[in-house]
N, C-alpha and C. Protein backbone atom coordinates (compact mmCIF):
# COMPACT_ATOMS: atom_id res chain seq x y z
N MET A 1 221.79 162.05 193.42
CA MET A 1 222.56 161.41 192.36
C MET A 1 224.04 161.43 192.75
N ILE A 2 224.68 160.30 192.62
CA ILE A 2 226.10 160.17 192.97
C ILE A 2 226.94 160.65 191.79
N LYS A 3 227.88 161.54 192.10
CA LYS A 3 228.78 162.05 191.07
C LYS A 3 229.96 161.07 190.92
N VAL A 4 230.17 160.58 189.72
CA VAL A 4 231.24 159.64 189.42
C VAL A 4 232.38 160.40 188.76
N SER A 5 233.62 160.07 189.13
CA SER A 5 234.77 160.72 188.51
C SER A 5 234.79 160.41 187.02
N ILE A 6 235.41 161.29 186.25
CA ILE A 6 235.49 161.08 184.81
C ILE A 6 236.24 159.79 184.50
N TYR A 7 237.23 159.46 185.33
CA TYR A 7 238.02 158.24 185.10
C TYR A 7 237.16 156.99 185.29
N GLN A 8 236.35 156.99 186.32
CA GLN A 8 235.45 155.85 186.55
C GLN A 8 234.40 155.79 185.46
N PHE A 9 233.89 156.95 185.05
CA PHE A 9 232.89 157.00 183.98
C PHE A 9 233.44 156.39 182.70
N VAL A 10 234.67 156.79 182.32
CA VAL A 10 235.29 156.27 181.10
C VAL A 10 235.51 154.76 181.23
N LYS A 11 236.03 154.32 182.36
CA LYS A 11 236.25 152.89 182.58
C LYS A 11 234.95 152.12 182.46
N ASP A 12 233.90 152.59 183.13
CA ASP A 12 232.61 151.91 183.08
C ASP A 12 232.06 151.84 181.66
N LYS A 13 232.21 152.95 180.93
CA LYS A 13 231.70 152.98 179.56
C LYS A 13 232.48 152.01 178.66
N LEU A 14 233.79 151.98 178.82
CA LEU A 14 234.60 151.04 178.03
C LEU A 14 234.22 149.60 178.36
N LEU A 15 233.95 149.33 179.63
CA LEU A 15 233.55 147.98 180.03
C LEU A 15 232.22 147.59 179.39
N THR A 16 231.30 148.54 179.22
CA THR A 16 230.02 148.21 178.56
C THR A 16 230.23 147.83 177.11
N HIS A 17 231.36 148.23 176.53
CA HIS A 17 231.66 147.89 175.14
C HIS A 17 232.48 146.61 175.01
N GLY A 18 232.72 145.94 176.13
CA GLY A 18 233.36 144.63 176.09
C GLY A 18 234.87 144.63 176.03
N VAL A 19 235.52 145.69 176.48
CA VAL A 19 236.98 145.74 176.38
C VAL A 19 237.66 144.66 177.21
N GLU A 20 236.98 144.16 178.24
CA GLU A 20 237.61 143.16 179.11
C GLU A 20 237.57 141.76 178.51
N LYS A 21 236.95 141.58 177.37
CA LYS A 21 236.77 140.24 176.79
C LYS A 21 237.97 139.72 176.04
N THR A 22 238.92 140.61 175.71
CA THR A 22 240.13 140.16 175.01
C THR A 22 241.35 140.85 175.62
N GLU A 23 242.49 140.23 175.41
CA GLU A 23 243.74 140.83 175.90
C GLU A 23 243.99 142.19 175.24
N ASP A 24 243.74 142.26 173.93
CA ASP A 24 243.90 143.54 173.24
C ASP A 24 242.95 144.58 173.81
N GLY A 25 241.71 144.20 174.02
CA GLY A 25 240.73 145.13 174.55
C GLY A 25 241.10 145.65 175.92
N LEU A 26 241.66 144.79 176.74
CA LEU A 26 242.08 145.20 178.09
C LEU A 26 243.14 146.30 178.06
N MET A 27 243.82 146.40 176.94
CA MET A 27 244.84 147.44 176.81
C MET A 27 244.22 148.83 177.00
N THR A 28 242.96 149.01 176.61
CA THR A 28 242.32 150.32 176.76
C THR A 28 242.22 150.73 178.22
N LEU A 29 242.19 149.76 179.11
CA LEU A 29 242.13 150.05 180.55
C LEU A 29 243.50 150.03 181.20
N ASN A 30 244.37 149.13 180.75
CA ASN A 30 245.65 148.91 181.43
C ASN A 30 246.79 149.79 180.95
N ASP A 31 246.72 150.27 179.72
CA ASP A 31 247.77 151.14 179.19
C ASP A 31 247.43 152.57 179.62
N GLN A 32 248.22 153.12 180.51
CA GLN A 32 247.93 154.42 181.11
C GLN A 32 247.80 155.53 180.06
N LYS A 33 248.66 155.53 179.07
CA LYS A 33 248.62 156.55 178.02
C LYS A 33 247.33 156.42 177.21
N LEU A 34 246.99 155.21 176.81
CA LEU A 34 245.79 154.99 176.02
C LEU A 34 244.54 155.37 176.82
N PHE A 35 244.49 154.96 178.07
CA PHE A 35 243.33 155.29 178.90
C PHE A 35 243.19 156.81 179.04
N SER A 36 244.31 157.51 179.21
CA SER A 36 244.24 158.97 179.34
C SER A 36 243.75 159.62 178.04
N LEU A 37 244.05 159.00 176.90
CA LEU A 37 243.53 159.51 175.63
C LEU A 37 242.01 159.32 175.54
N PHE A 38 241.51 158.22 176.10
CA PHE A 38 240.05 158.03 176.15
C PHE A 38 239.40 159.05 177.10
N VAL A 39 240.09 159.40 178.16
CA VAL A 39 239.57 160.44 179.06
C VAL A 39 239.52 161.77 178.31
N ASP A 40 240.54 162.05 177.51
CA ASP A 40 240.53 163.26 176.69
C ASP A 40 239.36 163.25 175.70
N LEU A 41 239.07 162.08 175.14
CA LEU A 41 237.92 161.94 174.24
C LEU A 41 236.62 162.25 174.97
N GLU A 42 236.49 161.75 176.19
CA GLU A 42 235.29 162.03 176.98
C GLU A 42 235.18 163.53 177.28
N ARG A 43 236.28 164.15 177.61
CA ARG A 43 236.25 165.60 177.88
C ARG A 43 235.80 166.38 176.64
N ALA A 44 236.31 166.00 175.48
CA ALA A 44 235.91 166.65 174.23
C ALA A 44 234.42 166.41 173.95
N ALA A 45 233.97 165.19 174.20
CA ALA A 45 232.55 164.88 173.97
C ALA A 45 231.67 165.69 174.91
N ARG A 46 232.09 165.86 176.14
CA ARG A 46 231.30 166.64 177.10
C ARG A 46 231.19 168.11 176.69
N LYS A 47 232.20 168.59 175.98
CA LYS A 47 232.15 169.97 175.47
C LYS A 47 231.27 170.05 174.22
N SER A 48 230.92 168.90 173.66
CA SER A 48 230.12 168.83 172.42
C SER A 48 230.79 169.59 171.29
N ASN A 49 232.10 169.44 171.17
CA ASN A 49 232.86 170.16 170.17
C ASN A 49 233.41 169.15 169.15
N PHE A 50 232.87 169.21 167.93
CA PHE A 50 233.24 168.24 166.90
C PHE A 50 234.73 168.24 166.62
N ASP A 51 235.33 169.43 166.48
CA ASP A 51 236.76 169.50 166.18
C ASP A 51 237.59 168.86 167.29
N GLU A 52 237.23 169.11 168.54
CA GLU A 52 237.98 168.52 169.65
C GLU A 52 237.78 167.01 169.72
N VAL A 53 236.59 166.54 169.39
CA VAL A 53 236.33 165.09 169.36
C VAL A 53 237.19 164.44 168.28
N GLN A 54 237.23 165.06 167.10
CA GLN A 54 238.06 164.51 166.03
C GLN A 54 239.54 164.53 166.42
N THR A 55 239.99 165.61 167.03
CA THR A 55 241.39 165.70 167.45
C THR A 55 241.72 164.61 168.47
N ALA A 56 240.83 164.40 169.42
CA ALA A 56 241.04 163.35 170.44
C ALA A 56 241.05 161.97 169.79
N THR A 57 240.18 161.76 168.83
CA THR A 57 240.12 160.47 168.14
C THR A 57 241.38 160.23 167.32
N ILE A 58 241.86 161.28 166.66
CA ILE A 58 243.09 161.17 165.87
C ILE A 58 244.28 160.87 166.79
N ALA A 59 244.29 161.47 167.99
CA ALA A 59 245.36 161.19 168.95
C ALA A 59 245.34 159.73 169.38
N ILE A 60 244.15 159.19 169.61
CA ILE A 60 244.02 157.77 169.97
C ILE A 60 244.55 156.91 168.83
N GLU A 61 244.14 157.24 167.61
CA GLU A 61 244.56 156.45 166.45
C GLU A 61 246.08 156.51 166.27
N GLY A 62 246.66 157.68 166.42
CA GLY A 62 248.12 157.82 166.29
C GLY A 62 248.85 156.96 167.31
N TYR A 63 248.36 156.97 168.53
CA TYR A 63 249.01 156.16 169.57
C TYR A 63 248.85 154.67 169.25
N LEU A 64 247.65 154.27 168.85
CA LEU A 64 247.42 152.86 168.55
C LEU A 64 248.27 152.38 167.37
N ILE A 65 248.43 153.22 166.38
CA ILE A 65 249.31 152.87 165.26
C ILE A 65 250.73 152.69 165.75
N SER A 66 251.18 153.58 166.65
CA SER A 66 252.55 153.50 167.15
C SER A 66 252.83 152.24 167.96
N VAL A 67 251.79 151.66 168.56
CA VAL A 67 251.98 150.42 169.33
C VAL A 67 251.48 149.19 168.57
N GLY A 68 251.10 149.37 167.30
CA GLY A 68 250.68 148.25 166.47
C GLY A 68 249.33 147.66 166.83
N LYS A 69 248.43 148.48 167.35
CA LYS A 69 247.11 147.99 167.76
C LYS A 69 245.98 148.85 167.19
N ARG A 70 246.08 149.25 165.94
CA ARG A 70 245.09 150.14 165.33
C ARG A 70 243.68 149.57 165.42
N GLN A 71 243.55 148.26 165.48
CA GLN A 71 242.22 147.65 165.54
C GLN A 71 241.43 148.10 166.78
N LEU A 72 242.11 148.61 167.80
CA LEU A 72 241.41 149.08 168.99
C LEU A 72 240.66 150.38 168.75
N MET A 73 240.80 150.95 167.56
CA MET A 73 240.00 152.13 167.20
C MET A 73 238.51 151.78 167.24
N ALA A 74 238.19 150.49 167.12
CA ALA A 74 236.79 150.08 167.21
C ALA A 74 236.17 150.61 168.50
N PHE A 75 236.93 150.59 169.59
CA PHE A 75 236.40 151.03 170.87
C PHE A 75 236.23 152.55 170.92
N ALA A 76 237.09 153.29 170.22
CA ALA A 76 236.93 154.75 170.16
C ALA A 76 235.66 155.10 169.39
N TYR A 77 235.44 154.43 168.28
CA TYR A 77 234.22 154.69 167.50
C TYR A 77 232.99 154.26 168.28
N MET A 78 233.06 153.10 168.93
CA MET A 78 231.92 152.63 169.74
C MET A 78 231.63 153.61 170.88
N TYR A 79 232.69 154.16 171.46
CA TYR A 79 232.56 155.07 172.59
C TYR A 79 231.62 156.23 172.23
N LEU A 80 231.78 156.74 171.03
CA LEU A 80 230.94 157.85 170.57
C LEU A 80 229.64 157.36 169.93
N ARG A 81 229.72 156.28 169.19
CA ARG A 81 228.55 155.77 168.47
C ARG A 81 227.43 155.41 169.43
N PHE A 82 227.78 154.78 170.54
CA PHE A 82 226.77 154.37 171.51
C PHE A 82 226.72 155.38 172.66
N SER A 83 226.36 156.60 172.30
CA SER A 83 226.26 157.68 173.27
C SER A 83 224.92 158.37 173.06
N ASP A 84 224.67 159.41 173.83
CA ASP A 84 223.40 160.11 173.65
C ASP A 84 223.47 161.10 172.49
N PHE A 85 224.56 161.07 171.72
CA PHE A 85 224.65 161.89 170.51
C PHE A 85 223.97 161.20 169.32
N THR A 86 223.60 159.96 169.50
CA THR A 86 222.98 159.20 168.41
C THR A 86 221.54 158.87 168.79
N PRO A 87 220.68 158.71 167.78
CA PRO A 87 219.27 158.42 168.07
C PRO A 87 219.10 157.07 168.76
N LYS A 88 218.14 157.03 169.64
CA LYS A 88 217.82 155.77 170.31
C LYS A 88 216.79 154.98 169.51
N ARG A 89 216.12 155.67 168.60
CA ARG A 89 215.13 154.98 167.78
C ARG A 89 214.97 155.75 166.48
N THR A 90 214.91 155.03 165.38
CA THR A 90 214.65 155.65 164.09
C THR A 90 213.32 155.10 163.58
N ILE A 91 212.45 156.01 163.26
CA ILE A 91 211.14 155.62 162.73
C ILE A 91 211.33 155.34 161.24
N PRO A 92 210.76 154.26 160.73
CA PRO A 92 210.96 153.90 159.32
C PRO A 92 210.62 155.05 158.37
N ASP A 93 211.26 155.01 157.21
CA ASP A 93 211.03 156.04 156.21
C ASP A 93 209.55 156.15 155.86
N GLU A 94 209.15 157.39 155.66
CA GLU A 94 207.79 157.66 155.20
C GLU A 94 207.93 158.35 153.85
N TYR A 95 207.39 157.74 152.83
CA TYR A 95 207.48 158.31 151.49
C TYR A 95 206.25 159.19 151.26
N LEU A 96 206.51 160.46 151.02
CA LEU A 96 205.44 161.43 150.85
C LEU A 96 205.00 161.48 149.39
N SER A 97 203.79 161.94 149.16
CA SER A 97 203.21 161.93 147.82
C SER A 97 203.96 162.80 146.82
N ASP A 98 204.69 163.80 147.30
CA ASP A 98 205.42 164.69 146.39
C ASP A 98 206.85 164.20 146.10
N GLY A 99 207.16 162.97 146.49
CA GLY A 99 208.46 162.39 146.20
C GLY A 99 209.49 162.57 147.32
N ARG A 100 209.18 163.39 148.32
CA ARG A 100 210.10 163.57 149.43
C ARG A 100 210.02 162.37 150.37
N VAL A 101 211.06 162.22 151.20
CA VAL A 101 211.12 161.12 152.16
C VAL A 101 211.30 161.73 153.55
N ARG A 102 210.52 161.25 154.51
CA ARG A 102 210.66 161.70 155.89
C ARG A 102 211.26 160.56 156.70
N LYS A 103 212.33 160.88 157.42
CA LYS A 103 212.96 159.91 158.32
C LYS A 103 213.05 160.60 159.67
N SER A 104 212.45 160.02 160.68
CA SER A 104 212.44 160.63 162.01
C SER A 104 213.34 159.85 162.95
N LYS A 105 214.05 160.59 163.78
CA LYS A 105 214.94 159.99 164.76
C LYS A 105 214.58 160.54 166.13
N GLU A 106 214.56 159.66 167.13
CA GLU A 106 214.25 160.08 168.49
C GLU A 106 215.49 159.94 169.36
N PHE A 107 215.79 161.02 170.06
CA PHE A 107 216.93 161.06 170.97
C PHE A 107 216.42 161.02 172.40
N LEU A 108 217.28 160.65 173.33
CA LEU A 108 216.89 160.59 174.74
C LEU A 108 216.85 161.97 175.39
N ARG A 109 217.50 162.93 174.77
CA ARG A 109 217.53 164.30 175.31
C ARG A 109 217.65 165.27 174.15
N GLN A 110 217.53 166.55 174.46
CA GLN A 110 217.74 167.59 173.46
C GLN A 110 219.20 167.51 173.00
N VAL A 111 219.42 167.44 171.70
CA VAL A 111 220.77 167.30 171.14
C VAL A 111 221.02 168.46 170.18
N SER A 112 222.16 169.11 170.34
CA SER A 112 222.51 170.22 169.45
C SER A 112 222.92 169.69 168.08
N ASN A 113 222.99 170.59 167.11
CA ASN A 113 223.43 170.18 165.77
C ASN A 113 224.85 169.63 165.80
N GLU A 114 225.73 170.24 166.61
CA GLU A 114 227.11 169.75 166.69
C GLU A 114 227.17 168.37 167.33
N GLU A 115 226.33 168.12 168.33
CA GLU A 115 226.27 166.79 168.94
C GLU A 115 225.74 165.77 167.94
N MET A 116 224.74 166.15 167.14
CA MET A 116 224.25 165.24 166.10
C MET A 116 225.33 164.94 165.09
N LEU A 117 226.15 165.95 164.75
CA LEU A 117 227.26 165.75 163.82
C LEU A 117 228.26 164.76 164.40
N ILE A 118 228.59 164.91 165.67
CA ILE A 118 229.51 163.96 166.32
C ILE A 118 228.94 162.55 166.25
N GLY A 119 227.66 162.42 166.59
CA GLY A 119 227.02 161.10 166.55
C GLY A 119 226.97 160.50 165.16
N LEU A 120 226.64 161.32 164.17
CA LEU A 120 226.59 160.83 162.79
C LEU A 120 227.97 160.42 162.30
N TRP A 121 228.98 161.26 162.59
CA TRP A 121 230.35 160.94 162.20
C TRP A 121 230.80 159.63 162.84
N ALA A 122 230.52 159.48 164.14
CA ALA A 122 230.91 158.26 164.85
C ALA A 122 230.20 157.04 164.29
N THR A 123 228.93 157.20 163.93
CA THR A 123 228.17 156.09 163.34
C THR A 123 228.78 155.66 162.02
N VAL A 124 229.11 156.62 161.18
CA VAL A 124 229.72 156.32 159.88
C VAL A 124 231.07 155.64 160.07
N LYS A 125 231.90 156.18 160.97
CA LYS A 125 233.22 155.59 161.21
C LYS A 125 233.10 154.17 161.76
N TYR A 126 232.16 153.98 162.68
CA TYR A 126 231.98 152.64 163.26
C TYR A 126 231.51 151.66 162.18
N GLU A 127 230.56 152.07 161.37
CA GLU A 127 230.02 151.16 160.36
C GLU A 127 231.00 150.90 159.22
N THR A 128 231.88 151.86 158.90
CA THR A 128 232.82 151.65 157.80
C THR A 128 234.14 151.02 158.24
N GLU A 129 234.57 151.29 159.49
CA GLU A 129 235.86 150.76 159.95
C GLU A 129 235.75 149.98 161.25
N GLY A 130 234.94 150.46 162.16
CA GLY A 130 234.89 149.90 163.51
C GLY A 130 234.46 148.46 163.58
N GLU A 131 233.46 148.10 162.79
CA GLU A 131 233.00 146.71 162.82
C GLU A 131 234.10 145.76 162.35
N ARG A 132 234.85 146.18 161.32
CA ARG A 132 235.96 145.36 160.82
C ARG A 132 237.06 145.25 161.88
N PHE A 133 237.38 146.39 162.50
CA PHE A 133 238.38 146.39 163.58
C PHE A 133 237.95 145.48 164.73
N LEU A 134 236.68 145.52 165.06
CA LEU A 134 236.17 144.70 166.16
C LEU A 134 236.33 143.20 165.85
N ARG A 135 236.09 142.83 164.61
CA ARG A 135 236.31 141.43 164.20
C ARG A 135 237.77 141.04 164.41
N LEU A 136 238.68 141.97 164.11
CA LEU A 136 240.13 141.70 164.32
C LEU A 136 240.43 141.53 165.80
N VAL A 137 239.85 142.39 166.63
CA VAL A 137 240.08 142.30 168.07
C VAL A 137 239.64 140.95 168.59
N TYR A 138 238.47 140.49 168.18
CA TYR A 138 237.94 139.23 168.71
C TYR A 138 238.51 138.00 168.02
N SER A 139 239.23 138.18 166.90
CA SER A 139 239.85 137.02 166.25
C SER A 139 241.23 136.74 166.82
N GLN A 140 241.76 137.64 167.63
CA GLN A 140 243.08 137.46 168.24
C GLN A 140 243.01 136.30 169.23
N PRO A 141 244.07 135.45 169.24
CA PRO A 141 244.06 134.33 170.20
C PRO A 141 244.24 134.80 171.63
């Protein structure tokens, strides 16, 4: 297995999320400060530490606000949302006879509770804010 540098890994992952499709999106790769903040996010994610992931995400948001590009937070949320911290498949709800509901999720690997928390938080953030931000990114001329 070929070991890829963290910088190449982050770049490749951002490219899978379509950052190269708009001028705003390209900023995630071309702005050295912003790219380094995404590398910090990856480092926090690799530690599987929820507090560090939130801190890294807040740092990205603060920088984006300072440069007037908050809509690029969509890529930060996507970065975590589409990771191995989130289920790859959810089995439909099963309603049990005693009124309880069973919902099963399948992950690609063993995931700790803290990793599941990161994935759930990222999913909620992406669904509540990220999708709207992404529409803004792609509506830019």
